[in-house]
Amino acid sequence: MKSAITRAAEAVEAAEKMFAEETGATLDLSPAAKPALIVKITAAIQAAVAEKETAPSSSFVKGLLAKVGKPRRYDRPRSRTLHPPPSRPSPR
């Protein structure tokens, strides 16, 4: 299994390649910018993995909905006026 750092480095390489293909120019990241970008992407990957691990699984949610039932939408009846709106005189 690939580490988050490896995936981040691959993401930067893919971004550089896509940029070059789209614009015909190179991204030209400085020697300091590339590792900094990899660190930021690594942190984003780790945060997403942690969020996924703490989120309830879809099977849990499906089981819960099966027990509780699907939420129902409450439709209020349309308001009806007791008296029709006043008629306007036609312009002459």
N, C-alpha and C. Protein backbone atom coordinates (compact mmCIF):
# COMPACT_ATOMS: atom_id res chain seq x y z
N MET A 1 0.84 -1.17 0.00
CA MET A 1 0.00 0.00 0.00
C MET A 1 0.90 1.25 0.00
N LYS A 2 0.52 2.22 -0.81
CA LYS A 2 1.33 3.44 -0.93
C LYS A 2 1.08 4.37 0.25
N SER A 3 2.14 5.06 0.67
CA SER A 3 1.99 6.01 1.76
C SER A 3 1.41 7.31 1.23
N ALA A 4 0.94 8.15 2.15
CA ALA A 4 0.38 9.44 1.76
C ALA A 4 1.43 10.31 1.09
N ILE A 5 2.68 10.21 1.54
CA ILE A 5 3.76 11.01 0.93
C ILE A 5 3.99 10.58 -0.52
N THR A 6 3.99 9.26 -0.75
CA THR A 6 4.18 8.75 -2.11
C THR A 6 3.04 9.21 -3.01
N ARG A 7 1.81 9.13 -2.49
CA ARG A 7 0.66 9.58 -3.28
C ARG A 7 0.72 11.08 -3.56
N ALA A 8 1.17 11.85 -2.59
CA ALA A 8 1.28 13.30 -2.77
C ALA A 8 2.33 13.62 -3.84
N ALA A 9 3.47 12.92 -3.80
CA ALA A 9 4.51 13.14 -4.81
C ALA A 9 3.99 12.78 -6.20
N GLU A 10 3.22 11.69 -6.28
CA GLU A 10 2.63 11.31 -7.56
C GLU A 10 1.61 12.36 -8.03
N ALA A 11 0.87 12.94 -7.09
CA ALA A 11 -0.10 13.97 -7.44
C ALA A 11 0.59 15.21 -8.00
N VAL A 12 1.71 15.59 -7.40
CA VAL A 12 2.46 16.75 -7.89
C VAL A 12 3.01 16.46 -9.30
N GLU A 13 3.54 15.27 -9.50
CA GLU A 13 4.06 14.91 -10.82
C GLU A 13 2.94 14.91 -11.86
N ALA A 14 1.78 14.38 -11.48
CA ALA A 14 0.64 14.37 -12.41
C ALA A 14 0.17 15.79 -12.71
N ALA A 15 0.18 16.65 -11.71
CA ALA A 15 -0.22 18.04 -11.92
C ALA A 15 0.76 18.75 -12.85
N GLU A 16 2.04 18.50 -12.66
CA GLU A 16 3.04 19.09 -13.55
C GLU A 16 2.84 18.62 -14.99
N LYS A 17 2.57 17.34 -15.16
CA LYS A 17 2.37 16.78 -16.50
C LYS A 17 1.11 17.35 -17.14
N MET A 18 0.00 17.42 -16.38
CA MET A 18 -1.25 17.98 -16.91
C MET A 18 -1.08 19.44 -17.30
N PHE A 19 -0.38 20.20 -16.45
CA PHE A 19 -0.14 21.61 -16.74
C PHE A 19 0.64 21.77 -18.03
N ALA A 20 1.65 20.94 -18.19
CA ALA A 20 2.48 21.02 -19.40
C ALA A 20 1.67 20.66 -20.64
N GLU A 21 0.82 19.63 -20.52
CA GLU A 21 0.00 19.23 -21.67
C GLU A 21 -1.05 20.28 -22.02
N GLU A 22 -1.63 20.90 -21.01
CA GLU A 22 -2.70 21.88 -21.25
C GLU A 22 -2.17 23.22 -21.77
N THR A 23 -1.08 23.68 -21.17
CA THR A 23 -0.60 25.02 -21.51
C THR A 23 0.59 25.02 -22.45
N GLY A 24 1.27 23.89 -22.55
CA GLY A 24 2.47 23.83 -23.38
C GLY A 24 3.67 24.43 -22.67
N ALA A 25 3.51 24.74 -21.38
CA ALA A 25 4.61 25.29 -20.59
C ALA A 25 4.83 24.40 -19.37
N THR A 26 5.97 24.57 -18.73
CA THR A 26 6.23 23.79 -17.53
C THR A 26 5.81 24.57 -16.30
N LEU A 27 5.51 23.84 -15.24
CA LEU A 27 5.08 24.48 -14.00
C LEU A 27 6.24 25.17 -13.29
N ASP A 28 7.44 24.65 -13.45
CA ASP A 28 8.66 25.23 -12.87
C ASP A 28 8.54 25.53 -11.38
N LEU A 29 8.26 24.51 -10.60
CA LEU A 29 8.25 24.68 -9.14
C LEU A 29 9.68 24.81 -8.65
N SER A 30 9.90 25.70 -7.72
CA SER A 30 11.25 25.88 -7.16
C SER A 30 11.60 24.66 -6.31
N PRO A 31 12.89 24.47 -6.03
CA PRO A 31 13.29 23.33 -5.20
C PRO A 31 12.63 23.33 -3.82
N ALA A 32 12.31 24.49 -3.29
CA ALA A 32 11.65 24.56 -1.98
C ALA A 32 10.14 24.41 -2.10
N ALA A 33 9.57 24.83 -3.23
CA ALA A 33 8.11 24.80 -3.39
C ALA A 33 7.58 23.38 -3.57
N LYS A 34 8.32 22.56 -4.27
CA LYS A 34 7.84 21.19 -4.54
C LYS A 34 7.69 20.39 -3.25
N PRO A 35 8.69 20.33 -2.37
CA PRO A 35 8.50 19.60 -1.11
C PRO A 35 7.40 20.23 -0.24
N ALA A 36 7.29 21.55 -0.26
CA ALA A 36 6.23 22.21 0.53
C ALA A 36 4.85 21.80 0.01
N LEU A 37 4.71 21.73 -1.29
CA LEU A 37 3.44 21.30 -1.90
C LEU A 37 3.15 19.84 -1.56
N ILE A 38 4.18 19.01 -1.57
CA ILE A 38 4.00 17.60 -1.23
C ILE A 38 3.55 17.46 0.23
N VAL A 39 4.11 18.26 1.12
CA VAL A 39 3.72 18.23 2.54
C VAL A 39 2.25 18.63 2.68
N LYS A 40 1.82 19.68 1.97
CA LYS A 40 0.43 20.13 2.06
C LYS A 40 -0.52 19.06 1.52
N ILE A 41 -0.18 18.46 0.41
CA ILE A 41 -1.03 17.42 -0.17
C ILE A 41 -1.07 16.20 0.74
N THR A 42 0.07 15.85 1.34
CA THR A 42 0.12 14.74 2.29
C THR A 42 -0.81 14.98 3.46
N ALA A 43 -0.80 16.19 3.99
CA ALA A 43 -1.69 16.53 5.11
C ALA A 43 -3.16 16.42 4.69
N ALA A 44 -3.46 16.85 3.47
CA ALA A 44 -4.84 16.77 2.99
C ALA A 44 -5.27 15.31 2.83
N ILE A 45 -4.38 14.47 2.32
CA ILE A 45 -4.68 13.04 2.18
C ILE A 45 -4.91 12.41 3.55
N GLN A 46 -4.04 12.72 4.50
CA GLN A 46 -4.17 12.14 5.84
C GLN A 46 -5.46 12.61 6.51
N ALA A 47 -5.84 13.87 6.32
CA ALA A 47 -7.08 14.39 6.90
C ALA A 47 -8.29 13.69 6.28
N ALA A 48 -8.24 13.47 4.97
CA ALA A 48 -9.36 12.79 4.30
C ALA A 48 -9.48 11.35 4.77
N VAL A 49 -8.36 10.67 4.95
CA VAL A 49 -8.39 9.29 5.43
C VAL A 49 -8.93 9.24 6.85
N ALA A 50 -8.49 10.15 7.71
CA ALA A 50 -8.98 10.18 9.09
C ALA A 50 -10.48 10.47 9.13
N GLU A 51 -10.94 11.37 8.28
CA GLU A 51 -12.37 11.71 8.23
C GLU A 51 -13.18 10.50 7.76
N LYS A 52 -12.66 9.79 6.79
CA LYS A 52 -13.35 8.60 6.26
C LYS A 52 -13.45 7.52 7.33
N GLU A 53 -12.37 7.37 8.12
CA GLU A 53 -12.36 6.34 9.16
C GLU A 53 -13.33 6.66 10.29
N THR A 54 -13.57 7.94 10.57
CA THR A 54 -14.48 8.30 11.66
C THR A 54 -15.92 8.43 11.20
N ALA A 55 -16.15 8.54 9.90
CA ALA A 55 -17.51 8.66 9.38
C ALA A 55 -18.19 7.30 9.43
N PRO A 56 -19.51 7.30 9.70
CA PRO A 56 -20.20 6.01 9.71
C PRO A 56 -20.21 5.40 8.32
N SER A 57 -20.11 4.09 8.28
CA SER A 57 -20.08 3.42 6.99
C SER A 57 -21.46 3.45 6.35
N SER A 58 -21.48 3.30 5.05
CA SER A 58 -22.76 3.35 4.34
C SER A 58 -23.64 2.18 4.73
N SER A 59 -23.06 1.03 5.06
CA SER A 59 -23.87 -0.11 5.48
C SER A 59 -24.53 0.18 6.83
N PHE A 60 -23.83 0.89 7.71
CA PHE A 60 -24.41 1.29 8.99
C PHE A 60 -25.60 2.21 8.76
N VAL A 61 -25.43 3.19 7.88
CA VAL A 61 -26.50 4.13 7.59
C VAL A 61 -27.68 3.42 6.94
N LYS A 62 -27.42 2.51 6.01
CA LYS A 62 -28.50 1.76 5.37
C LYS A 62 -29.25 0.91 6.39
N GLY A 63 -28.53 0.28 7.30
CA GLY A 63 -29.18 -0.52 8.35
C GLY A 63 -30.02 0.33 9.26
N LEU A 64 -29.51 1.50 9.60
CA LEU A 64 -30.26 2.41 10.46
C LEU A 64 -31.53 2.89 9.76
N LEU A 65 -31.43 3.22 8.48
CA LEU A 65 -32.61 3.65 7.74
C LEU A 65 -33.62 2.51 7.60
N ALA A 66 -33.14 1.29 7.49
CA ALA A 66 -34.05 0.15 7.39
C ALA A 66 -34.84 -0.02 8.69
N LYS A 67 -34.20 0.23 9.82
CA LYS A 67 -34.89 0.11 11.10
C LYS A 67 -35.83 1.28 11.34
N VAL A 68 -35.37 2.47 11.06
CA VAL A 68 -36.14 3.68 11.36
C VAL A 68 -37.13 4.00 10.25
N GLY A 69 -36.76 3.74 9.05
CA GLY A 69 -37.59 4.10 7.90
C GLY A 69 -37.08 5.38 7.28
N LYS A 70 -37.44 5.57 6.05
CA LYS A 70 -36.99 6.78 5.36
C LYS A 70 -37.72 7.99 5.91
N PRO A 71 -37.03 9.11 6.01
CA PRO A 71 -37.72 10.31 6.48
C PRO A 71 -38.78 10.73 5.48
N ARG A 72 -39.90 11.19 6.01
CA ARG A 72 -40.99 11.61 5.14
C ARG A 72 -40.99 13.11 5.00
N ARG A 73 -41.32 13.54 3.83
CA ARG A 73 -41.41 14.97 3.58
C ARG A 73 -42.78 15.44 4.00
N TYR A 74 -42.83 16.49 4.77
CA TYR A 74 -44.10 17.02 5.23
C TYR A 74 -44.57 18.09 4.26
N ASP A 75 -45.68 17.84 3.65
CA ASP A 75 -46.26 18.82 2.73
C ASP A 75 -47.42 19.53 3.43
N ARG A 76 -47.26 20.81 3.58
CA ARG A 76 -48.35 21.58 4.17
C ARG A 76 -49.43 21.79 3.11
N PRO A 77 -50.68 21.76 3.52
CA PRO A 77 -51.72 22.05 2.53
C PRO A 77 -51.60 23.49 2.06
N ARG A 78 -51.91 23.69 0.82
CA ARG A 78 -51.85 25.05 0.29
C ARG A 78 -52.93 25.89 0.95
N SER A 79 -52.58 27.12 1.23
CA SER A 79 -53.56 27.99 1.87
C SER A 79 -54.64 28.37 0.85
N ARG A 80 -55.83 28.34 1.30
CA ARG A 80 -56.95 28.71 0.44
C ARG A 80 -57.62 29.94 1.04
N THR A 81 -57.89 30.87 0.21
CA THR A 81 -58.55 32.08 0.71
C THR A 81 -60.04 31.84 0.78
N LEU A 82 -60.65 32.44 1.78
CA LEU A 82 -62.09 32.30 1.92
C LEU A 82 -62.84 33.19 0.93
N HIS A 83 -62.22 34.28 0.59
CA HIS A 83 -62.86 35.22 -0.33
C HIS A 83 -61.97 35.36 -1.56
N PRO A 84 -62.58 35.45 -2.73
CA PRO A 84 -61.76 35.64 -3.93
C PRO A 84 -61.12 37.02 -3.91
N PRO A 85 -60.01 37.18 -4.59
CA PRO A 85 -59.36 38.49 -4.62
C PRO A 85 -60.27 39.50 -5.31
N PRO A 86 -60.17 40.77 -4.90
CA PRO A 86 -61.06 41.77 -5.54
C PRO A 86 -60.75 41.90 -7.03
N SER A 87 -61.79 42.08 -7.79
CA SER A 87 -61.60 42.22 -9.23
C SER A 87 -61.16 43.64 -9.55
N ARG A 88 -60.33 43.76 -10.53
CA ARG A 88 -59.83 45.07 -10.93
C ARG A 88 -60.64 45.53 -12.14
N PRO A 89 -60.93 46.83 -12.18
CA PRO A 89 -61.64 47.32 -13.35
C PRO A 89 -60.72 47.25 -14.58
N SER A 90 -61.29 46.94 -15.71
CA SER A 90 -60.50 46.86 -16.92
C SER A 90 -60.09 48.24 -17.38
N PRO A 91 -58.88 48.40 -17.86
CA PRO A 91 -58.44 49.71 -18.34
C PRO A 91 -59.15 50.07 -19.65
N ARG A 92 -59.58 51.33 -19.76
CA ARG A 92 -60.27 51.78 -20.96
C ARG A 92 -59.56 52.85 -21.65
